[in-house]
Amino acid sequence: MTPEFVVQLARRSFETTLLLAAPLLISSLVVGLVISIFQAVTSINEATLTFAPKIVVVMIAMIIFFPWMMSYMGDFTREIYSYIATMRR
């Protein structure tokens, strides 16, 4: 196992983590921004108003993106297993 291999594996792992988390985080960010703008326009200063819509939107995003996320994670796992097989030699 070379240092270049370890760096490549760590880089690929971080990229996969960010890519899998991105749809949920972006949807939560957009909903939070829209609700914050709504609160600023209407002068409603309720801190708990953002939590319920964010939870609902993240759950909907999870349902929508789950097949893609599992497919991507399965491909990544198979890639890791193939690396393990080549490291034994």
C-alpha atoms as a PDB file:
ATOM      1  CA  MET A   1       0.000   0.000   0.000  1.00  0.00           C
ATOM      2  CA  THR A   2       1.626   3.203  -1.180  1.00  0.00           C
ATOM      3  CA  PRO A   3       1.092   6.683   0.238  1.00  0.00           C
ATOM      4  CA  GLU A   4      -0.417   7.751  -3.089  1.00  0.00           C
ATOM      5  CA  PHE A   5      -2.970   4.956  -2.824  1.00  0.00           C
ATOM      6  CA  VAL A   6      -3.950   6.012   0.704  1.00  0.00           C
ATOM      7  CA  VAL A   7      -4.327   9.644  -0.369  1.00  0.00           C
ATOM      8  CA  GLN A   8      -6.420   8.610  -3.382  1.00  0.00           C
ATOM      9  CA  LEU A   9      -8.623   6.407  -1.200  1.00  0.00           C
ATOM     10  CA  ALA A  10      -9.124   9.150   1.398  1.00  0.00           C
ATOM     11  CA  ARG A  11      -9.905  11.694  -1.328  1.00  0.00           C
ATOM     12  CA  ARG A  12     -12.434   9.358  -2.948  1.00  0.00           C
ATOM     13  CA  SER A  13     -14.040   8.684   0.443  1.00  0.00           C
ATOM     14  CA  PHE A  14     -14.438  12.403   1.189  1.00  0.00           C
ATOM     15  CA  GLU A  15     -15.848  13.035  -2.297  1.00  0.00           C
ATOM     16  CA  THR A  16     -18.362  10.228  -1.833  1.00  0.00           C
ATOM     17  CA  THR A  17     -19.411  11.536   1.571  1.00  0.00           C
ATOM     18  CA  LEU A  18     -19.924  15.056   0.251  1.00  0.00           C
ATOM     19  CA  LEU A  19     -21.770  13.849  -2.830  1.00  0.00           C
ATOM     20  CA  LEU A  20     -24.138  11.676  -0.807  1.00  0.00           C
ATOM     21  CA  ALA A  21     -24.855  14.417   1.734  1.00  0.00           C
ATOM     22  CA  ALA A  22     -25.250  17.208  -0.808  1.00  0.00           C
ATOM     23  CA  PRO A  23     -28.915  16.671  -1.868  1.00  0.00           C
ATOM     24  CA  LEU A  24     -30.139  16.624   1.725  1.00  0.00           C
ATOM     25  CA  LEU A  25     -28.019  19.557   2.830  1.00  0.00           C
ATOM     26  CA  ILE A  26     -28.874  21.698  -0.197  1.00  0.00           C
ATOM     27  CA  SER A  27     -32.611  21.074   0.177  1.00  0.00           C
ATOM     28  CA  SER A  28     -32.421  21.950   3.868  1.00  0.00           C
ATOM     29  CA  LEU A  29     -30.421  25.076   3.080  1.00  0.00           C
ATOM     30  CA  VAL A  30     -32.919  26.265   0.460  1.00  0.00           C
ATOM     31  CA  VAL A  31     -35.922  25.700   2.727  1.00  0.00           C
ATOM     32  CA  GLY A  32     -34.173  27.430   5.625  1.00  0.00           C
ATOM     33  CA  LEU A  33     -33.352  30.404   3.423  1.00  0.00           C
ATOM     34  CA  VAL A  34     -36.915  30.683   2.109  1.00  0.00           C
ATOM     35  CA  ILE A  35     -38.370  30.480   5.617  1.00  0.00           C
ATOM     36  CA  SER A  36     -35.853  33.044   6.906  1.00  0.00           C
ATOM     37  CA  ILE A  37     -36.823  35.453   4.140  1.00  0.00           C
ATOM     38  CA  PHE A  38     -40.504  34.842   4.934  1.00  0.00           C
ATOM     39  CA  GLN A  39     -39.854  35.551   8.627  1.00  0.00           C
ATOM     40  CA  ALA A  40     -37.949  38.728   7.807  1.00  0.00           C
ATOM     41  CA  VAL A  41     -40.700  40.008   5.513  1.00  0.00           C
ATOM     42  CA  THR A  42     -43.542  39.235   7.917  1.00  0.00           C
ATOM     43  CA  SER A  43     -41.627  40.091  11.126  1.00  0.00           C
ATOM     44  CA  ILE A  44     -42.421  36.682  12.610  1.00  0.00           C
ATOM     45  CA  ASN A  45     -39.577  35.855  14.970  1.00  0.00           C
ATOM     46  CA  GLU A  46     -40.433  32.286  15.856  1.00  0.00           C
ATOM     47  CA  ALA A  47     -37.297  30.135  16.097  1.00  0.00           C
ATOM     48  CA  THR A  48     -39.145  26.832  15.898  1.00  0.00           C
ATOM     49  CA  LEU A  49     -40.872  27.691  12.611  1.00  0.00           C
ATOM     50  CA  THR A  50     -37.919  26.471  10.536  1.00  0.00           C
ATOM     51  CA  PHE A  51     -37.533  23.018  12.079  1.00  0.00           C
ATOM     52  CA  ALA A  52     -40.718  21.260  10.942  1.00  0.00           C
ATOM     53  CA  PRO A  53     -40.508  22.294   7.257  1.00  0.00           C
ATOM     54  CA  LYS A  54     -36.811  21.401   7.152  1.00  0.00           C
ATOM     55  CA  ILE A  55     -37.484  17.950   8.573  1.00  0.00           C
ATOM     56  CA  VAL A  56     -40.289  17.352   6.093  1.00  0.00           C
ATOM     57  CA  VAL A  57     -38.211  18.536   3.129  1.00  0.00           C
ATOM     58  CA  VAL A  58     -35.197  16.455   4.163  1.00  0.00           C
ATOM     59  CA  MET A  59     -37.415  13.364   4.463  1.00  0.00           C
ATOM     60  CA  ILE A  60     -38.910  14.028   1.012  1.00  0.00           C
ATOM     61  CA  ALA A  61     -35.423  14.552  -0.431  1.00  0.00           C
ATOM     62  CA  MET A  62     -34.312  11.321   1.219  1.00  0.00           C
ATOM     63  CA  ILE A  63     -37.195   9.447  -0.399  1.00  0.00           C
ATOM     64  CA  ILE A  64     -36.452  10.978  -3.791  1.00  0.00           C
ATOM     65  CA  PHE A  65     -32.662  10.537  -3.725  1.00  0.00           C
ATOM     66  CA  PHE A  66     -32.469   7.249  -1.789  1.00  0.00           C
ATOM     67  CA  PRO A  67     -32.286   4.948  -4.844  1.00  0.00           C
ATOM     68  CA  TRP A  68     -29.475   7.010  -6.348  1.00  0.00           C
ATOM     69  CA  MET A  69     -27.662   7.249  -3.013  1.00  0.00           C
ATOM     70  CA  MET A  70     -27.814   3.487  -2.480  1.00  0.00           C
ATOM     71  CA  SER A  71     -26.656   2.796  -6.030  1.00  0.00           C
ATOM     72  CA  TYR A  72     -23.731   5.184  -5.633  1.00  0.00           C
ATOM     73  CA  MET A  73     -22.841   3.750  -2.236  1.00  0.00           C
ATOM     74  CA  GLY A  74     -23.040   0.203  -3.610  1.00  0.00           C
ATOM     75  CA  ASP A  75     -20.664   1.124  -6.440  1.00  0.00           C
ATOM     76  CA  PHE A  76     -18.274   2.725  -3.963  1.00  0.00           C
ATOM     77  CA  THR A  77     -18.406  -0.326  -1.693  1.00  0.00           C
ATOM     78  CA  ARG A  78     -17.659  -2.650  -4.610  1.00  0.00           C
ATOM     79  CA  GLU A  79     -14.743  -0.388  -5.536  1.00  0.00           C
ATOM     80  CA  ILE A  80     -13.380  -0.599  -1.984  1.00  0.00           C
ATOM     81  CA  TYR A  81     -13.727  -4.388  -1.992  1.00  0.00           C
ATOM     82  CA  SER A  82     -11.837  -4.581  -5.272  1.00  0.00           C
ATOM     83  CA  TYR A  83      -9.047  -2.515  -3.682  1.00  0.00           C
ATOM     84  CA  ILE A  84      -8.934  -4.956  -0.785  1.00  0.00           C
ATOM     85  CA  ALA A  85      -8.641  -7.854  -3.214  1.00  0.00           C
ATOM     86  CA  THR A  86      -5.703  -6.210  -4.975  1.00  0.00           C
ATOM     87  CA  MET A  87      -3.945  -5.361  -1.685  1.00  0.00           C
ATOM     88  CA  ARG A  88      -3.710  -9.039  -0.713  1.00  0.00           C
ATOM     89  CA  ARG A  89      -1.313  -9.762  -3.568  1.00  0.00           C
END
